[in-house]
Amino acid sequence: MSARPRQCPGTSPLTAFIDVSKWQGHPDWVKIATDPQKIVMGIARCTVGASIDSTFHANWAAMKAAGIIRGPYVAFHPSRTAAQHFTWL
Protein backbone atom coordinates (compact mmCIF):
# COMPACT_ATOMS: atom_id res chain seq x y z
CA MET A 1 0.00 0.00 0.00
CA SER A 2 1.53 3.30 -1.05
CA ALA A 3 -0.69 5.79 0.79
CA ARG A 4 -1.04 5.93 4.56
CA PRO A 5 -4.59 5.68 5.85
CA ARG A 6 -5.99 8.97 7.13
CA GLN A 7 -6.54 9.19 10.85
CA CYS A 8 -9.32 11.29 12.32
CA PRO A 9 -7.82 14.50 13.76
CA GLY A 10 -7.78 15.35 17.46
CA THR A 11 -6.22 14.12 20.66
CA SER A 12 -9.25 12.38 22.10
CA PRO A 13 -9.59 8.62 21.62
CA LEU A 14 -13.24 9.32 20.73
CA THR A 15 -14.30 10.68 17.37
CA ALA A 16 -17.66 12.32 16.73
CA PHE A 17 -19.39 10.77 13.74
CA ILE A 18 -22.81 10.46 12.15
CA ASP A 19 -24.49 7.23 11.08
CA VAL A 20 -26.97 7.74 8.23
CA SER A 21 -29.46 5.66 6.28
CA LYS A 22 -32.74 6.29 4.48
CA TRP A 23 -34.27 7.18 7.86
CA GLN A 24 -32.15 10.35 8.10
CA GLY A 25 -32.63 11.28 4.44
CA HIS A 26 -30.05 13.68 3.00
CA PRO A 27 -28.27 15.64 5.74
CA ASP A 28 -26.57 18.94 4.89
CA TRP A 29 -23.02 17.58 4.85
CA VAL A 30 -21.40 20.98 4.27
CA LYS A 31 -23.15 22.34 7.38
CA ILE A 32 -22.15 19.24 9.33
CA ALA A 33 -18.52 19.59 8.23
CA THR A 34 -18.37 23.18 9.50
CA ASP A 35 -20.36 22.62 12.72
CA PRO A 36 -18.55 23.50 15.97
CA GLN A 37 -19.28 19.99 17.31
CA LYS A 38 -16.44 18.83 15.05
CA ILE A 39 -18.15 15.94 13.30
CA VAL A 40 -15.31 14.55 11.19
CA MET A 41 -16.67 11.22 10.00
CA GLY A 42 -19.85 9.78 8.57
CA ILE A 43 -20.86 6.19 8.05
CA ALA A 44 -23.59 5.42 5.55
CA ARG A 45 -25.64 2.26 5.35
CA CYS A 46 -25.06 0.79 1.91
CA THR A 47 -27.32 -2.26 2.16
CA VAL A 48 -29.96 -3.79 4.35
CA GLY A 49 -30.77 -7.42 3.75
CA ALA A 50 -30.50 -7.84 -0.01
CA SER A 51 -31.40 -4.23 -0.93
CA ILE A 52 -29.33 -1.10 -1.47
CA ASP A 53 -30.21 1.78 0.88
CA SER A 54 -31.99 4.38 -1.26
CA THR A 55 -29.87 7.27 0.08
CA PHE A 56 -26.45 5.60 0.05
CA HIS A 57 -25.09 6.91 -3.25
CA ALA A 58 -26.20 10.50 -2.63
CA ASN A 59 -24.88 10.55 0.95
CA TRP A 60 -21.60 8.89 -0.10
CA ALA A 61 -20.94 11.55 -2.75
CA ALA A 62 -22.05 14.42 -0.49
CA MET A 63 -19.77 13.31 2.36
CA LYS A 64 -16.81 13.24 -0.02
CA ALA A 65 -17.66 16.68 -1.44
CA ALA A 66 -17.89 18.13 2.10
CA GLY A 67 -14.52 16.67 3.12
CA ILE A 68 -16.02 14.26 5.67
CA ILE A 69 -14.09 11.04 6.29
CA ARG A 70 -16.55 8.34 5.26
CA GLY A 71 -17.23 4.68 5.65
CA PRO A 72 -19.96 2.28 4.51
CA TYR A 73 -21.73 -0.30 6.62
CA VAL A 74 -23.99 -3.26 5.91
CA ALA A 75 -27.11 -3.97 7.95
CA PHE A 76 -27.77 -7.69 8.09
CA HIS A 77 -31.29 -9.07 8.28
CA PRO A 78 -31.90 -12.42 10.01
CA SER A 79 -34.36 -13.58 7.35
CA ARG A 80 -31.70 -13.45 4.58
CA THR A 81 -28.95 -15.94 3.80
CA ALA A 82 -25.30 -14.92 3.76
CA ALA A 83 -25.29 -15.17 -0.04
CA GLN A 84 -28.23 -12.75 -0.28
CA HIS A 85 -26.47 -10.25 1.98
CA PHE A 86 -23.36 -10.25 -0.16
CA THR A 87 -25.17 -9.81 -3.48
CA TRP A 88 -24.49 -6.05 -3.45
CA LEU A 89 -20.93 -6.08 -2.09
C-alpha atoms as a PDB file:
ATOM      1  CA  MET A   1       0.000   0.000   0.000  1.00  0.00           C
ATOM      2  CA  SER A   2       1.533   3.298  -1.054  1.00  0.00           C
ATOM      3  CA  ALA A   3      -0.687   5.786   0.789  1.00  0.00           C
ATOM      4  CA  ARG A   4      -1.037   5.929   4.561  1.00  0.00           C
ATOM      5  CA  PRO A   5      -4.592   5.682   5.848  1.00  0.00           C
ATOM      6  CA  ARG A   6      -5.990   8.972   7.134  1.00  0.00           C
ATOM      7  CA  GLN A   7      -6.541   9.193  10.846  1.00  0.00           C
ATOM      8  CA  CYS A   8      -9.318  11.294  12.320  1.00  0.00           C
ATOM      9  CA  PRO A   9      -7.821  14.500  13.760  1.00  0.00           C
ATOM     10  CA  GLY A  10      -7.782  15.349  17.461  1.00  0.00           C
ATOM     11  CA  THR A  11      -6.216  14.122  20.655  1.00  0.00           C
ATOM     12  CA  SER A  12      -9.245  12.379  22.105  1.00  0.00           C
ATOM     13  CA  PRO A  13      -9.589   8.624  21.624  1.00  0.00           C
ATOM     14  CA  LEU A  14     -13.240   9.322  20.735  1.00  0.00           C
ATOM     15  CA  THR A  15     -14.299  10.683  17.366  1.00  0.00           C
ATOM     16  CA  ALA A  16     -17.661  12.316  16.734  1.00  0.00           C
ATOM     17  CA  PHE A  17     -19.386  10.768  13.735  1.00  0.00           C
ATOM     18  CA  ILE A  18     -22.807  10.456  12.146  1.00  0.00           C
ATOM     19  CA  ASP A  19     -24.495   7.229  11.079  1.00  0.00           C
ATOM     20  CA  VAL A  20     -26.974   7.739   8.226  1.00  0.00           C
ATOM     21  CA  SER A  21     -29.461   5.659   6.282  1.00  0.00           C
ATOM     22  CA  LYS A  22     -32.740   6.287   4.484  1.00  0.00           C
ATOM     23  CA  TRP A  23     -34.271   7.179   7.858  1.00  0.00           C
ATOM     24  CA  GLN A  24     -32.149  10.350   8.097  1.00  0.00           C
ATOM     25  CA  GLY A  25     -32.626  11.280   4.442  1.00  0.00           C
ATOM     26  CA  HIS A  26     -30.052  13.679   2.997  1.00  0.00           C
ATOM     27  CA  PRO A  27     -28.273  15.644   5.739  1.00  0.00           C
ATOM     28  CA  ASP A  28     -26.573  18.945   4.887  1.00  0.00           C
ATOM     29  CA  TRP A  29     -23.020  17.583   4.849  1.00  0.00           C
ATOM     30  CA  VAL A  30     -21.403  20.984   4.269  1.00  0.00           C
ATOM     31  CA  LYS A  31     -23.155  22.343   7.377  1.00  0.00           C
ATOM     32  CA  ILE A  32     -22.146  19.241   9.334  1.00  0.00           C
ATOM     33  CA  ALA A  33     -18.515  19.588   8.232  1.00  0.00           C
ATOM     34  CA  THR A  34     -18.366  23.180   9.500  1.00  0.00           C
ATOM     35  CA  ASP A  35     -20.362  22.625  12.717  1.00  0.00           C
ATOM     36  CA  PRO A  36     -18.548  23.504  15.965  1.00  0.00           C
ATOM     37  CA  GLN A  37     -19.276  19.995  17.312  1.00  0.00           C
ATOM     38  CA  LYS A  38     -16.442  18.826  15.053  1.00  0.00           C
ATOM     39  CA  ILE A  39     -18.152  15.941  13.301  1.00  0.00           C
ATOM     40  CA  VAL A  40     -15.312  14.545  11.191  1.00  0.00           C
ATOM     41  CA  MET A  41     -16.667  11.219  10.001  1.00  0.00           C
ATOM     42  CA  GLY A  42     -19.849   9.780   8.568  1.00  0.00           C
ATOM     43  CA  ILE A  43     -20.857   6.185   8.046  1.00  0.00           C
ATOM     44  CA  ALA A  44     -23.589   5.416   5.552  1.00  0.00           C
ATOM     45  CA  ARG A  45     -25.640   2.260   5.346  1.00  0.00           C
ATOM     46  CA  CYS A  46     -25.062   0.794   1.911  1.00  0.00           C
ATOM     47  CA  THR A  47     -27.316  -2.257   2.156  1.00  0.00           C
ATOM     48  CA  VAL A  48     -29.958  -3.792   4.355  1.00  0.00           C
ATOM     49  CA  GLY A  49     -30.768  -7.421   3.754  1.00  0.00           C
ATOM     50  CA  ALA A  50     -30.499  -7.841  -0.011  1.00  0.00           C
ATOM     51  CA  SER A  51     -31.395  -4.230  -0.934  1.00  0.00           C
ATOM     52  CA  ILE A  52     -29.326  -1.097  -1.466  1.00  0.00           C
ATOM     53  CA  ASP A  53     -30.209   1.778   0.879  1.00  0.00           C
ATOM     54  CA  SER A  54     -31.986   4.380  -1.264  1.00  0.00           C
ATOM     55  CA  THR A  55     -29.869   7.271   0.085  1.00  0.00           C
ATOM     56  CA  PHE A  56     -26.449   5.597   0.054  1.00  0.00           C
ATOM     57  CA  HIS A  57     -25.089   6.906  -3.247  1.00  0.00           C
ATOM     58  CA  ALA A  58     -26.200  10.500  -2.630  1.00  0.00           C
ATOM     59  CA  ASN A  59     -24.876  10.553   0.949  1.00  0.00           C
ATOM     60  CA  TRP A  60     -21.601   8.890  -0.097  1.00  0.00           C
ATOM     61  CA  ALA A  61     -20.937  11.546  -2.749  1.00  0.00           C
ATOM     62  CA  ALA A  62     -22.054  14.419  -0.494  1.00  0.00           C
ATOM     63  CA  MET A  63     -19.772  13.315   2.359  1.00  0.00           C
ATOM     64  CA  LYS A  64     -16.811  13.237  -0.017  1.00  0.00           C
ATOM     65  CA  ALA A  65     -17.656  16.678  -1.443  1.00  0.00           C
ATOM     66  CA  ALA A  66     -17.889  18.130   2.103  1.00  0.00           C
ATOM     67  CA  GLY A  67     -14.521  16.666   3.118  1.00  0.00           C
ATOM     68  CA  ILE A  68     -16.019  14.264   5.671  1.00  0.00           C
ATOM     69  CA  ILE A  69     -14.085  11.039   6.285  1.00  0.00           C
ATOM     70  CA  ARG A  70     -16.555   8.344   5.261  1.00  0.00           C
ATOM     71  CA  GLY A  71     -17.226   4.677   5.653  1.00  0.00           C
ATOM     72  CA  PRO A  72     -19.963   2.282   4.511  1.00  0.00           C
ATOM     73  CA  TYR A  73     -21.733  -0.305   6.621  1.00  0.00           C
ATOM     74  CA  VAL A  74     -23.991  -3.258   5.907  1.00  0.00           C
ATOM     75  CA  ALA A  75     -27.113  -3.971   7.952  1.00  0.00           C
ATOM     76  CA  PHE A  76     -27.770  -7.686   8.089  1.00  0.00           C
ATOM     77  CA  HIS A  77     -31.291  -9.066   8.277  1.00  0.00           C
ATOM     78  CA  PRO A  78     -31.900 -12.417  10.005  1.00  0.00           C
ATOM     79  CA  SER A  79     -34.358 -13.583   7.346  1.00  0.00           C
ATOM     80  CA  ARG A  80     -31.700 -13.449   4.584  1.00  0.00           C
ATOM     81  CA  THR A  81     -28.952 -15.939   3.799  1.00  0.00           C
ATOM     82  CA  ALA A  82     -25.305 -14.923   3.761  1.00  0.00           C
ATOM     83  CA  ALA A  83     -25.294 -15.172  -0.041  1.00  0.00           C
ATOM     84  CA  GLN A  84     -28.227 -12.753  -0.276  1.00  0.00           C
ATOM     85  CA  HIS A  85     -26.474 -10.248   1.980  1.00  0.00           C
ATOM     86  CA  PHE A  86     -23.359 -10.247  -0.160  1.00  0.00           C
ATOM     87  CA  THR A  87     -25.167  -9.814  -3.479  1.00  0.00           C
ATOM     88  CA  TRP A  88     -24.487  -6.047  -3.454  1.00  0.00           C
ATOM     89  CA  LEU A  89     -20.930  -6.083  -2.090  1.00  0.00           C
END
